[in-house]
Amino acid sequence: MEYRKLGATDMEVSEISFGCWTMGGQNWSYDGEPDGWADPDEDEITAGVKAGLDAGVRPGSTRE
């Protein structure tokens, strides 16, 4: 994994990030429409996060 400094800080982040937006389940947009996936499989999510961390991915993005 390659890392880069984040702006003018000493913090290093991986060049590849991990999108975590819908891992918590269904989300809702500001106008009340469903936005994302419902009923995610917790075992698959855990395995995906572990694989990313093992590969050196940091940080994760939550879309917010």
Protein backbone atom coordinates (compact mmCIF):
# COMPACT_ATOMS: atom_id res chain seq x y z
CA MET A 1 0.00 0.00 0.00
CA GLU A 2 1.22 3.47 -0.83
CA TYR A 3 0.64 6.35 1.59
CA ARG A 4 0.61 10.12 1.25
CA LYS A 5 0.68 12.99 3.72
CA LEU A 6 -2.69 14.60 4.27
CA GLY A 7 -2.39 18.27 3.36
CA ALA A 8 -0.03 20.18 5.62
CA THR A 9 -0.40 17.66 8.47
CA ASP A 10 1.92 14.85 9.51
CA MET A 11 -0.94 12.36 9.07
CA GLU A 12 -0.40 9.70 6.42
CA VAL A 13 -3.37 8.16 4.62
CA SER A 14 -3.50 5.30 2.16
CA GLU A 15 -3.90 6.13 -1.51
CA ILE A 16 -6.87 3.74 -1.51
CA SER A 17 -9.73 4.36 0.89
CA PHE A 18 -12.56 2.11 1.99
CA GLY A 19 -16.13 3.24 1.32
CA CYS A 20 -18.28 2.42 4.36
CA TRP A 21 -21.38 4.45 3.51
CA THR A 22 -24.05 1.74 3.52
CA MET A 23 -22.52 -0.73 5.94
CA GLY A 24 -24.94 0.34 8.66
CA GLY A 25 -28.03 -0.48 6.62
CA GLN A 26 -30.69 1.60 4.91
CA ASN A 27 -30.10 5.35 4.75
CA TRP A 28 -32.60 8.06 3.87
CA SER A 29 -32.06 11.16 1.76
CA TYR A 30 -33.14 14.62 2.87
CA ASP A 31 -36.36 14.30 0.85
CA GLY A 32 -37.31 11.02 2.56
CA GLU A 33 -36.33 8.67 -0.27
CA PRO A 34 -34.38 5.46 0.49
CA ASP A 35 -30.71 5.93 -0.32
CA GLY A 36 -28.53 2.84 -0.08
CA TRP A 37 -28.96 -0.85 0.57
CA ALA A 38 -31.08 -2.48 3.25
CA ASP A 39 -30.19 -5.54 5.32
CA PRO A 40 -26.41 -5.73 4.79
CA ASP A 41 -24.77 -8.98 5.87
CA GLU A 42 -22.73 -8.22 9.00
CA ASP A 43 -20.31 -11.13 8.43
CA GLU A 44 -19.54 -9.89 4.90
CA ILE A 45 -19.05 -6.34 6.16
CA THR A 46 -16.70 -7.51 8.91
CA ALA A 47 -14.69 -9.61 6.45
CA GLY A 48 -14.43 -6.66 4.04
CA VAL A 49 -13.25 -4.24 6.72
CA LYS A 50 -10.70 -6.75 8.02
CA ALA A 51 -9.39 -7.36 4.49
CA GLY A 52 -9.01 -3.62 3.94
CA LEU A 53 -7.19 -3.10 7.24
CA ASP A 54 -4.94 -6.10 6.56
CA ALA A 55 -4.06 -4.55 3.19
CA GLY A 56 -3.14 -1.26 4.89
CA VAL A 57 -6.18 0.79 3.90
CA ARG A 58 -6.81 3.82 6.12
CA PRO A 59 -9.02 5.77 6.70
CA GLY A 60 -12.54 4.65 5.80
CA SER A 61 -15.04 6.97 4.21
CA THR A 62 -18.64 7.17 5.44
CA ARG A 63 -19.88 9.70 2.83
CA GLU A 64 -20.61 12.28 5.53
